[in-house]
Amino acid sequence: MLDYQKYEFGSPIMIFGGRTFVSMGELSIMSKFFKLTENKTTLRREIVAGITTFVSMAYIFFLNPQILCQAGIPAQAVFLAAILVAVFGTLFMGIFANVPFALAPGIGMQAYFTYTIVFGFGFSWQQALAVVFLVGVVDIIITLTHGRRAIVKGIPTELKAAIGGGIGLFVTYIGLKNAGFINYLVDAANIKTLNDKPFTGKASGAIHTLLANGGVTPELTKFNQPAVLLALIGFILLLVLVIRRIPGAFLITLVVTTVIGIPMGVTNTHIAPGTSIGSAFSSLGTVFGQALGSKGIGSLFSDWHHASLAIVTIFAMGLTGLFDAIGTLIGIGNQTGIFSKSDTKAFEEDKGFNSKMDRALVVDTFTTAFAGIAGTSNTTTFIESAAGVAAGARTGLANVVTAAGFALMIIFAPFVGVVPSAATAPLLILVGIMMMGEFKKISWENLEVAVPAFFTSVFMAFSYSISYGIAAGFLFFIIVKLALGKFKDISPVLLIVSAFFLINFIVLAFM
């Protein structure tokens, strides 16, 4: 029999079979540590909210391997690495910063890791993990020296919004491609290289790579393939659930779509030998720490080409993570009172780390560094935390509950390969659409703002690179300001960053 008894500050004590699981003394200590009374919350409310956040975010652990394993990292290793990092970051955030914001590998950074760093720049997955680690280290230094404030103040607000919206466009584009909704027509006249050699009009042997010019024409698929139809069913289901505000809509869609895919022949129900929890941990052992090895950071700066790309990538990833974290923290925290006006003022003006936001950013940076070591992409403070906040979360106690839920996800390690990409693609599409809400902060009728914002967002999606999107936006921002004689509007931070990007483009042009 399960029932609840009230404690003096309004928190329940759960009793099962006459045994008290949380004593009065433990409740008192918990109340004081997390400051439940000061934050006008209760133990029950924090537990329910923590579970809500967990259910809202559980899908990420199945999506993460779908994207990162394309870069060559073993799927089960990525699955466990993401769980370890999420548990670490979420607990750290709850205990150190005392705020209910959960962390996990971000979707935008997963895409950046695979499609830009590995596929686009040609880094190995070990080198890409080294980049993630170095992003964390650089961010730690910048955060501890309060350099993040200078960067935040130096980048125009509407360019920050363009970066956020552009990542959304990028993620949605990847989702549409993974779902099979888009096909591409390439005729021989538009092919530039085949297998990295000039195309002569004929092909012999297996085709590994094909580079075409702008004559490639995208077209909508005919929706006659089972995988494409399954992705469409999944997206419609997800859309309905989200619009109806059903808790755990993403996780429900992932599970239901996977199940529907069984009779359609899309879901592979065969669990291959050697995919037990034990084998998953063995697989993690081959990935954990690779960022610091000879194949990782040891070879990252082996030549000037890799070195220049690595430096630009580290900066771009760090900048993107910074805006993502601050945007989520401020967006949710200020609206709900988790960050008071005095706390926000302390973040902007104090030299110490007295504000919750300062401590939250410290956690964010350390967690990203750990992500590189563990074997996954950059972490971020998840917007899904808003679900838990809406359910009443006000302190880090909710994060403790969420982290416990993340840890329990380990039992699903053998099923990572069962979930088809058709089940995860709808999630990417809708998450990207949600992120594009940042575009509303841009004054599109003003060309002075619209031109750099446009190139920032569009270049991210169509060049398959967040770095190049940021670079294009910054460079066109400077061009526009110089044309208007508003050199004073360009911050030193923006000039320095843009100079690095320009040097990188010049280097690439002469390769």
Protein backbone atom coordinates (compact mmCIF):
# COMPACT_ATOMS: atom_id res chain seq x y z
CA MET A 1 0.00 0.00 0.00
CA LEU A 2 1.33 3.44 -0.97
CA ASP A 3 0.39 6.65 0.77
CA TYR A 4 1.79 10.06 1.58
CA GLN A 5 2.17 11.92 4.89
CA LYS A 6 2.82 15.65 5.03
CA TYR A 7 5.94 17.12 6.56
CA GLU A 8 6.07 20.63 8.08
CA PHE A 9 7.32 22.32 4.87
CA GLY A 10 4.79 20.57 2.68
CA SER A 11 6.94 17.72 1.39
CA PRO A 12 5.57 14.19 1.41
CA ILE A 13 7.19 11.17 2.99
CA MET A 14 6.69 8.04 0.92
CA ILE A 15 5.81 4.99 2.96
CA PHE A 16 5.55 1.46 1.58
CA GLY A 17 4.57 -1.46 3.74
CA GLY A 18 5.10 0.58 6.89
CA ARG A 19 8.71 1.39 6.02
CA THR A 20 9.71 5.04 5.69
CA PHE A 21 12.00 5.51 2.70
CA VAL A 22 12.92 9.11 3.58
CA SER A 23 13.26 10.02 7.24
CA MET A 24 12.26 13.32 8.81
CA GLY A 25 15.90 14.19 9.38
CA GLU A 26 16.81 13.42 5.79
CA LEU A 27 13.94 15.58 4.59
CA SER A 28 15.09 18.44 6.77
CA ILE A 29 18.64 18.20 5.41
CA MET A 30 17.32 17.94 1.86
CA SER A 31 15.06 20.92 2.37
CA LYS A 32 17.91 23.06 3.66
CA PHE A 33 20.44 21.93 1.04
CA PHE A 34 18.18 22.56 -1.96
CA LYS A 35 16.41 25.48 -0.25
CA LEU A 36 12.96 24.09 -1.00
CA THR A 37 11.14 26.52 1.29
CA GLU A 38 12.93 29.58 -0.09
CA ASN A 39 12.09 28.47 -3.61
CA LYS A 40 8.45 27.82 -2.68
CA THR A 41 8.45 24.16 -3.67
CA THR A 42 8.04 20.73 -2.09
CA LEU A 43 9.70 17.34 -2.26
CA ARG A 44 6.74 15.80 -4.10
CA ARG A 45 6.65 18.60 -6.66
CA GLU A 46 10.39 18.27 -7.35
CA ILE A 47 10.13 14.49 -7.76
CA VAL A 48 7.21 14.72 -10.18
CA ALA A 49 8.94 17.48 -12.13
CA GLY A 50 12.19 15.50 -12.29
CA ILE A 51 10.36 12.49 -13.71
CA THR A 52 8.65 14.77 -16.24
CA THR A 53 11.99 16.10 -17.49
CA PHE A 54 13.37 12.57 -17.74
CA VAL A 55 10.44 11.33 -19.81
CA SER A 56 10.71 14.40 -22.06
CA MET A 57 14.43 13.81 -22.69
CA ALA A 58 14.78 10.00 -22.77
CA TYR A 59 14.52 9.94 -26.57
CA ILE A 60 17.91 11.67 -26.91
CA PHE A 61 19.76 8.51 -25.88
CA PHE A 62 18.38 6.65 -28.90
CA LEU A 63 18.86 9.57 -31.28
CA ASN A 64 22.49 10.14 -30.25
CA PRO A 65 23.79 6.76 -31.56
CA GLN A 66 21.80 7.15 -34.79
CA ILE A 67 23.83 10.23 -35.71
CA LEU A 68 27.23 9.65 -34.11
CA CYS A 69 27.64 6.03 -35.19
CA GLN A 70 27.71 7.34 -38.77
CA ALA A 71 31.02 8.93 -37.83
CA GLY A 72 32.37 5.49 -36.94
CA ILE A 73 31.86 5.38 -33.15
CA PRO A 74 30.29 2.09 -31.96
CA ALA A 75 26.57 2.66 -31.33
CA GLN A 76 26.47 1.00 -27.92
CA ALA A 77 29.52 2.96 -26.78
CA VAL A 78 27.85 6.22 -27.80
CA PHE A 79 24.65 5.18 -26.02
CA LEU A 80 26.43 4.55 -22.71
CA ALA A 81 28.73 7.57 -23.08
CA ALA A 82 25.71 9.85 -23.50
CA ILE A 83 24.09 8.36 -20.38
CA LEU A 84 27.26 8.76 -18.27
CA VAL A 85 27.70 12.35 -19.39
CA ALA A 86 24.02 13.21 -18.87
CA VAL A 87 24.02 11.72 -15.36
CA PHE A 88 27.23 13.58 -14.48
CA GLY A 89 26.12 16.94 -15.89
CA THR A 90 22.57 16.79 -14.58
CA LEU A 91 23.66 15.82 -11.06
CA PHE A 92 26.42 18.45 -11.11
CA MET A 93 23.93 21.10 -12.23
CA GLY A 94 21.46 20.15 -9.52
CA ILE A 95 23.93 19.96 -6.65
CA PHE A 96 26.34 22.79 -7.54
CA ALA A 97 24.01 25.32 -9.19
CA ASN A 98 20.75 24.17 -7.53
CA VAL A 99 18.70 24.72 -10.68
CA PRO A 100 16.43 22.22 -12.51
CA PHE A 101 18.15 22.19 -15.90
CA ALA A 102 19.18 18.80 -17.29
CA LEU A 103 22.16 18.30 -19.59
CA ALA A 104 22.79 15.78 -22.39
CA PRO A 105 24.49 15.72 -25.81
CA GLY A 106 22.76 18.34 -27.94
CA ILE A 107 21.09 17.49 -31.24
CA GLY A 108 22.68 20.38 -33.10
CA MET A 109 26.13 19.40 -31.86
CA GLN A 110 25.56 15.76 -32.80
CA ALA A 111 24.91 16.88 -36.35
CA TYR A 112 27.89 19.22 -36.28
CA PHE A 113 30.14 16.42 -34.98
CA THR A 114 29.22 13.95 -37.71
CA TYR A 115 28.33 15.97 -40.78
CA THR A 116 30.73 18.90 -40.43
CA ILE A 117 33.79 17.79 -38.43
CA VAL A 118 34.02 14.18 -39.64
CA PHE A 119 32.33 14.19 -43.05
CA GLY A 120 33.01 17.79 -44.03
CA PHE A 121 36.47 18.48 -42.58
CA GLY A 122 37.77 14.91 -42.77
CA PHE A 123 38.68 14.44 -39.11
CA SER A 124 38.53 10.96 -37.59
CA TRP A 125 36.01 10.38 -34.82
CA GLN A 126 38.88 10.27 -32.32
CA GLN A 127 40.04 13.69 -33.47
CA ALA A 128 36.46 14.97 -33.35
CA LEU A 129 36.22 13.83 -29.73
CA ALA A 130 39.47 15.68 -29.04
CA VAL A 131 37.88 18.80 -30.50
CA VAL A 132 34.91 18.37 -28.16
CA PHE A 133 37.27 18.01 -25.18
CA LEU A 134 39.23 21.12 -26.18
CA VAL A 135 35.99 23.06 -26.64
CA GLY A 136 35.18 22.19 -23.03
CA VAL A 137 38.65 23.20 -21.81
CA VAL A 138 38.57 26.52 -23.67
CA ASP A 139 35.06 27.20 -22.40
CA ILE A 140 36.16 26.41 -18.84
CA ILE A 141 38.97 28.97 -19.11
CA ILE A 142 36.70 31.56 -20.70
CA THR A 143 33.96 30.97 -18.12
CA LEU A 144 36.25 31.05 -15.08
CA THR A 145 37.79 34.31 -16.32
CA HIS A 146 34.34 35.72 -17.15
CA GLY A 147 35.28 35.94 -20.82
CA ARG A 148 31.84 34.63 -21.70
CA ARG A 149 30.37 37.95 -20.66
CA ALA A 150 32.61 39.81 -23.11
CA ILE A 151 31.62 37.44 -25.91
CA VAL A 152 27.92 37.67 -25.07
CA LYS A 153 28.09 41.45 -25.08
CA GLY A 154 30.27 41.58 -28.21
CA ILE A 155 27.93 39.61 -30.49
CA PRO A 156 24.82 41.52 -31.62
CA THR A 157 21.55 40.11 -30.25
CA GLU A 158 20.02 39.50 -33.66
CA LEU A 159 23.09 37.55 -34.83
CA LYS A 160 22.74 35.35 -31.75
CA ALA A 161 19.12 34.76 -32.73
CA ALA A 162 20.19 33.93 -36.29
CA ILE A 163 22.67 31.36 -34.97
CA GLY A 164 19.96 29.70 -32.85
CA GLY A 165 17.44 29.69 -35.69
CA GLY A 166 20.08 28.58 -38.19
CA ILE A 167 20.92 25.53 -36.11
CA GLY A 168 17.21 24.75 -36.14
CA LEU A 169 17.15 24.98 -39.94
CA PHE A 170 20.24 22.76 -40.11
CA VAL A 171 18.72 20.12 -37.81
CA THR A 172 15.41 20.15 -39.70
CA TYR A 173 17.21 19.74 -43.02
CA ILE A 174 19.07 16.71 -41.68
CA GLY A 175 15.79 15.28 -40.40
CA LEU A 176 14.11 15.69 -43.80
CA LYS A 177 17.05 13.98 -45.50
CA ASN A 178 17.17 11.14 -42.96
CA ALA A 179 13.43 10.63 -43.34
CA GLY A 180 13.89 10.27 -47.09
CA PHE A 181 11.47 13.13 -47.83
CA ILE A 182 13.95 14.77 -50.21
CA ASN A 183 15.70 13.30 -53.26
CA TYR A 184 18.28 14.93 -55.53
CA LEU A 185 18.57 14.83 -59.31
CA VAL A 186 22.15 14.87 -60.62
CA ASP A 187 22.86 14.66 -64.35
CA ALA A 188 26.29 13.98 -65.80
CA ALA A 189 26.85 17.59 -66.86
CA ASN A 190 26.73 18.74 -63.22
CA ILE A 191 29.14 16.16 -61.80
CA LYS A 192 32.51 17.76 -60.95
CA THR A 193 34.43 14.86 -59.39
CA LEU A 194 33.90 11.12 -58.98
CA ASN A 195 35.81 9.26 -56.27
CA ASP A 196 37.76 12.50 -55.66
CA LYS A 197 38.99 12.64 -59.29
CA PRO A 198 37.82 14.86 -62.20
CA PHE A 199 34.76 13.30 -63.85
CA THR A 200 35.38 12.28 -67.48
CA GLY A 201 31.84 11.23 -68.31
CA LYS A 202 32.30 7.57 -67.50
CA ALA A 203 32.35 5.60 -64.27
CA SER A 204 34.18 2.38 -63.61
CA GLY A 205 34.08 0.28 -60.46
CA ALA A 206 32.38 1.19 -57.21
CA ILE A 207 31.37 4.82 -56.60
CA HIS A 208 32.54 6.11 -53.21
CA THR A 209 32.18 9.88 -53.50
CA LEU A 210 30.50 12.17 -56.00
CA LEU A 211 30.80 15.96 -56.02
CA ALA A 212 28.30 17.96 -58.07
CA ASN A 213 27.83 21.68 -58.68
CA GLY A 214 24.80 23.87 -58.08
CA GLY A 215 22.95 22.20 -60.94
CA VAL A 216 21.73 19.50 -58.55
CA THR A 217 17.95 19.72 -58.20
CA PRO A 218 16.15 18.70 -55.01
CA GLU A 219 12.72 17.12 -55.32
CA LEU A 220 10.06 15.75 -53.00
CA THR A 221 10.03 11.96 -52.71
CA LYS A 222 7.12 9.93 -54.10
CA PHE A 223 6.26 8.42 -50.67
CA ASN A 224 6.20 4.89 -52.00
CA GLN A 225 8.90 3.37 -49.78
CA PRO A 226 8.10 1.75 -46.39
CA ALA A 227 10.80 3.69 -44.51
CA VAL A 228 9.60 7.03 -45.92
CA LEU A 229 5.98 6.22 -45.09
CA LEU A 230 6.98 5.20 -41.56
CA ALA A 231 8.81 8.50 -41.06
CA LEU A 232 5.73 10.36 -42.28
CA ILE A 233 3.50 8.43 -39.86
CA GLY A 234 5.94 9.17 -37.06
CA PHE A 235 6.04 12.88 -37.81
CA ILE A 236 2.24 13.20 -37.95
CA LEU A 237 1.95 11.31 -34.64
CA LEU A 238 4.61 13.50 -33.02
CA LEU A 239 3.00 16.68 -34.30
CA VAL A 240 -0.39 15.70 -32.89
CA LEU A 241 1.08 14.73 -29.50
CA VAL A 242 3.13 17.91 -29.19
CA ILE A 243 0.27 20.18 -30.22
CA ARG A 244 -1.97 18.37 -27.73
CA ARG A 245 0.79 18.90 -25.12
CA ILE A 246 0.99 15.21 -24.25
CA PRO A 247 3.82 14.60 -21.73
CA GLY A 248 6.66 12.53 -23.17
CA ALA A 249 5.51 13.10 -26.75
CA PHE A 250 8.98 12.51 -28.21
CA LEU A 251 9.55 9.25 -26.34
CA ILE A 252 6.04 8.00 -27.14
CA THR A 253 6.58 8.73 -30.84
CA LEU A 254 9.94 6.99 -30.85
CA VAL A 255 8.50 3.82 -29.30
CA VAL A 256 5.26 3.73 -31.29
CA THR A 257 6.96 4.41 -34.63
CA THR A 258 9.52 1.69 -33.94
CA VAL A 259 6.72 -0.78 -33.17
CA ILE A 260 4.73 0.21 -36.28
CA GLY A 261 7.88 -0.34 -38.31
CA ILE A 262 7.94 -4.05 -37.42
CA PRO A 263 5.08 -5.19 -39.72
CA MET A 264 6.26 -2.69 -42.33
CA GLY A 265 9.63 -4.42 -42.44
CA VAL A 266 11.55 -1.29 -41.47
CA THR A 267 12.35 -2.08 -37.83
CA ASN A 268 15.01 -4.71 -37.37
CA THR A 269 13.83 -6.84 -34.44
CA HIS A 270 16.91 -9.04 -34.49
CA ILE A 271 19.18 -8.29 -31.54
CA ALA A 272 22.64 -9.28 -32.69
CA PRO A 273 24.86 -11.44 -30.49
CA GLY A 274 27.28 -9.46 -28.35
CA THR A 275 24.88 -6.60 -27.66
CA SER A 276 24.34 -7.23 -23.96
CA ILE A 277 24.85 -4.60 -21.28
CA GLY A 278 28.21 -6.16 -20.55
CA SER A 279 29.29 -5.88 -24.17
CA ALA A 280 28.10 -2.30 -24.21
CA PHE A 281 30.48 -1.45 -21.37
CA SER A 282 33.27 -3.31 -23.18
CA SER A 283 32.51 -1.22 -26.27
CA LEU A 284 32.63 1.95 -24.16
CA GLY A 285 36.10 0.92 -23.04
CA THR A 286 37.34 1.19 -26.63
CA VAL A 287 36.06 4.75 -26.89
CA PHE A 288 36.50 6.25 -23.42
CA GLY A 289 39.63 8.42 -23.32
CA GLN A 290 40.35 8.18 -27.05
CA ALA A 291 40.17 11.97 -27.29
CA LEU A 292 43.36 12.19 -25.22
CA GLY A 293 45.24 9.46 -27.10
CA SER A 294 47.57 9.47 -30.07
CA LYS A 295 44.66 9.12 -32.52
CA GLY A 296 42.85 11.99 -30.85
CA ILE A 297 44.54 15.13 -29.59
CA GLY A 298 47.92 13.61 -30.44
CA SER A 299 47.20 13.86 -34.18
CA LEU A 300 44.80 16.81 -34.21
CA PHE A 301 47.49 19.39 -34.92
CA SER A 302 49.71 17.15 -37.05
CA ASP A 303 49.75 19.59 -39.99
CA TRP A 304 48.84 23.20 -40.66
CA HIS A 305 45.66 22.29 -42.52
CA HIS A 306 44.23 20.22 -39.66
CA ALA A 307 45.47 22.76 -37.14
CA SER A 308 43.68 25.68 -38.81
CA LEU A 309 40.45 23.72 -39.19
CA ALA A 310 40.66 22.53 -35.58
CA ILE A 311 41.12 26.05 -34.20
CA VAL A 312 38.19 27.44 -36.18
CA THR A 313 36.02 24.45 -35.25
CA ILE A 314 36.85 24.72 -31.54
CA PHE A 315 35.89 28.37 -31.57
CA ALA A 316 32.70 27.86 -33.57
CA MET A 317 31.52 24.95 -31.41
CA GLY A 318 32.31 26.85 -28.24
CA LEU A 319 30.48 29.93 -29.47
CA THR A 320 27.45 27.89 -30.49
CA GLY A 321 27.36 26.05 -27.16
CA LEU A 322 27.66 29.34 -25.31
CA PHE A 323 24.66 30.89 -27.03
CA ASP A 324 22.66 27.68 -26.70
CA ALA A 325 23.29 27.39 -22.95
CA ILE A 326 22.71 31.03 -22.13
CA GLY A 327 19.62 31.18 -24.34
CA THR A 328 18.04 28.19 -22.60
CA LEU A 329 19.00 29.31 -19.10
CA ILE A 330 17.79 32.87 -19.55
CA GLY A 331 14.74 31.91 -21.59
CA ILE A 332 13.39 29.46 -19.02
CA GLY A 333 14.96 30.82 -15.84
CA ASN A 334 13.86 34.43 -16.10
CA GLN A 335 10.29 33.61 -17.10
CA THR A 336 9.77 31.28 -14.14
CA GLY A 337 11.65 33.18 -11.47
CA ILE A 338 14.40 30.55 -11.10
CA PHE A 339 16.80 33.36 -11.94
CA SER A 340 15.73 36.50 -10.15
CA LYS A 341 16.57 40.00 -11.35
CA SER A 342 19.28 40.23 -8.72
CA ASP A 343 20.74 36.92 -9.91
CA THR A 344 20.83 38.13 -13.52
CA LYS A 345 22.44 41.38 -12.39
CA ALA A 346 25.06 39.44 -10.43
CA PHE A 347 25.87 37.42 -13.56
CA GLU A 348 26.40 40.60 -15.57
CA GLU A 349 28.34 42.61 -12.99
CA ASP A 350 29.88 40.51 -10.17
CA LYS A 351 33.46 39.30 -10.44
CA GLY A 352 32.81 36.11 -8.49
CA PHE A 353 30.50 33.16 -9.09
CA ASN A 354 27.69 34.14 -6.79
CA SER A 355 24.85 33.83 -9.25
CA LYS A 356 23.05 30.63 -10.17
CA MET A 357 23.65 31.42 -13.84
CA ASP A 358 27.42 31.68 -13.33
CA ARG A 359 27.48 28.31 -11.59
CA ALA A 360 25.21 26.77 -14.24
CA LEU A 361 27.60 27.87 -17.01
CA VAL A 362 30.54 26.40 -15.10
CA VAL A 363 28.71 23.07 -15.00
CA ASP A 364 27.92 23.32 -18.72
CA THR A 365 31.59 23.76 -19.65
CA PHE A 366 32.96 20.99 -17.41
CA THR A 367 30.32 18.59 -18.73
CA THR A 368 31.32 19.26 -22.34
CA ALA A 369 34.97 18.52 -21.51
CA PHE A 370 33.89 15.25 -19.89
CA ALA A 371 31.77 14.43 -22.96
CA GLY A 372 34.87 14.49 -25.16
CA ILE A 373 36.66 12.11 -22.80
CA ALA A 374 33.66 9.79 -22.42
CA GLY A 375 33.08 9.47 -26.16
CA THR A 376 30.18 11.66 -27.26
CA SER A 377 29.44 15.09 -28.72
CA ASN A 378 29.07 18.39 -26.89
CA THR A 379 26.46 18.64 -24.19
CA THR A 380 23.94 21.38 -23.78
CA THR A 381 21.32 22.52 -21.32
CA PHE A 382 18.20 20.97 -22.80
CA ILE A 383 15.16 23.06 -23.63
CA GLU A 384 13.08 20.02 -22.60
CA SER A 385 13.91 21.05 -19.04
CA ALA A 386 11.05 23.49 -19.53
CA ALA A 387 8.67 20.53 -19.21
CA GLY A 388 9.95 19.85 -15.72
CA VAL A 389 9.90 23.52 -14.82
CA ALA A 390 6.29 23.71 -16.01
CA ALA A 391 5.55 20.74 -13.73
CA GLY A 392 6.86 22.72 -10.75
CA ALA A 393 10.64 22.20 -10.65
CA ARG A 394 12.44 25.07 -8.97
CA THR A 395 15.57 23.50 -7.48
CA GLY A 396 18.34 21.05 -8.22
CA LEU A 397 16.47 18.27 -6.41
CA ALA A 398 14.45 17.70 -9.59
CA ASN A 399 17.76 17.15 -11.41
CA VAL A 400 18.74 14.43 -8.96
CA VAL A 401 15.54 12.58 -9.88
CA THR A 402 16.11 13.15 -13.60
CA ALA A 403 19.69 11.87 -13.35
CA ALA A 404 18.46 8.71 -11.63
CA GLY A 405 16.11 8.14 -14.57
CA PHE A 406 18.98 8.63 -17.02
CA ALA A 407 21.04 6.00 -15.17
CA LEU A 408 18.23 3.47 -15.49
CA MET A 409 18.37 3.87 -19.28
CA ILE A 410 21.48 1.65 -19.28
CA ILE A 411 19.24 -1.44 -19.32
CA PHE A 412 18.13 -0.52 -22.86
CA ALA A 413 21.66 -0.75 -24.29
CA PRO A 414 20.96 -4.03 -26.17
CA PHE A 415 18.08 -2.38 -28.06
CA VAL A 416 20.00 0.58 -29.51
CA GLY A 417 20.24 -0.99 -32.97
CA VAL A 418 16.52 -1.78 -33.09
CA VAL A 419 15.34 1.82 -33.47
CA PRO A 420 15.28 2.74 -37.20
CA SER A 421 16.28 6.15 -38.54
CA ALA A 422 12.70 6.53 -39.76
CA ALA A 423 11.68 6.70 -36.09
CA THR A 424 14.26 9.32 -35.12
CA ALA A 425 14.04 11.55 -38.21
CA PRO A 426 10.63 13.03 -37.20
CA LEU A 427 12.15 14.09 -33.89
CA LEU A 428 14.93 15.96 -35.66
CA ILE A 429 12.45 17.73 -37.93
CA LEU A 430 10.23 19.00 -35.12
CA VAL A 431 13.09 19.94 -32.78
CA GLY A 432 14.58 21.98 -35.61
CA ILE A 433 11.25 23.69 -36.25
CA MET A 434 11.01 24.61 -32.57
CA MET A 435 14.54 26.05 -32.61
CA MET A 436 13.63 28.25 -35.57
CA GLY A 437 11.46 30.26 -33.19
CA GLU A 438 14.60 32.38 -32.67
CA PHE A 439 13.98 33.97 -36.07
CA LYS A 440 11.14 36.05 -34.62
CA LYS A 441 13.74 38.13 -32.77
CA ILE A 442 15.19 39.35 -36.08
CA SER A 443 13.98 42.53 -37.80
CA TRP A 444 13.75 41.06 -41.30
CA GLU A 445 12.41 44.29 -42.77
CA ASN A 446 15.74 45.98 -41.96
CA LEU A 447 18.40 44.89 -44.49
CA GLU A 448 21.17 46.02 -42.15
CA VAL A 449 20.08 43.17 -39.88
CA ALA A 450 18.46 40.80 -42.37
CA VAL A 451 21.47 40.25 -44.67
CA PRO A 452 23.94 38.93 -42.02
CA ALA A 453 21.13 37.03 -40.29
CA PHE A 454 20.12 35.39 -43.58
CA PHE A 455 23.64 34.24 -44.46
CA THR A 456 24.20 32.99 -40.90
CA SER A 457 21.16 30.72 -40.93
CA VAL A 458 21.04 29.63 -44.58
CA PHE A 459 24.76 28.82 -44.84
CA MET A 460 24.46 26.58 -41.78
CA ALA A 461 21.91 24.34 -43.47
CA PHE A 462 23.09 24.39 -47.07
CA SER A 463 26.84 24.24 -46.41
CA TYR A 464 26.19 21.57 -43.76
CA SER A 465 28.33 23.53 -41.32
CA ILE A 466 27.46 25.62 -38.29
CA SER A 467 30.96 27.12 -38.40
CA TYR A 468 30.55 28.41 -41.95
CA GLY A 469 27.16 29.84 -41.09
CA ILE A 470 28.58 31.83 -38.20
CA ALA A 471 31.52 32.92 -40.36
CA ALA A 472 29.26 34.13 -43.19
CA GLY A 473 27.05 36.04 -40.77
CA PHE A 474 29.94 37.75 -39.02
CA LEU A 475 31.69 38.73 -42.26
CA PHE A 476 28.54 40.16 -43.86
CA PHE A 477 27.74 42.00 -40.62
CA ILE A 478 31.11 43.76 -40.89
CA ILE A 479 30.62 44.50 -44.59
CA VAL A 480 27.19 46.04 -43.96
CA LYS A 481 28.42 48.15 -41.04
CA LEU A 482 31.42 49.40 -43.03
CA ALA A 483 29.14 50.31 -45.95
CA LEU A 484 27.02 52.39 -43.56
CA GLY A 485 30.03 53.98 -41.88
CA LYS A 486 29.16 52.38 -38.55
CA PHE A 487 32.54 50.94 -37.68
CA LYS A 488 31.95 51.70 -34.00
CA ASP A 489 29.12 49.11 -33.99
CA ILE A 490 31.65 46.35 -34.63
CA SER A 491 33.02 44.96 -31.38
CA PRO A 492 36.69 43.94 -31.07
CA VAL A 493 35.52 40.39 -30.29
CA LEU A 494 33.63 40.24 -33.59
CA LEU A 495 36.60 41.61 -35.53
CA ILE A 496 39.04 39.09 -34.06
CA VAL A 497 36.71 36.17 -34.63
CA SER A 498 35.95 37.23 -38.20
CA ALA A 499 39.67 37.57 -38.92
CA PHE A 500 40.17 33.92 -37.92
CA PHE A 501 37.31 32.84 -40.15
CA LEU A 502 38.65 34.85 -43.10
CA ILE A 503 42.12 33.34 -42.72
CA ASN A 504 40.56 29.88 -42.68
CA PHE A 505 38.68 30.55 -45.96
CA ILE A 506 41.87 31.83 -47.61
CA VAL A 507 43.76 28.71 -46.49
CA LEU A 508 41.00 26.43 -47.85
CA ALA A 509 41.02 28.31 -51.19
CA PHE A 510 44.70 27.48 -51.80
CA MET A 511 44.51 23.84 -50.75
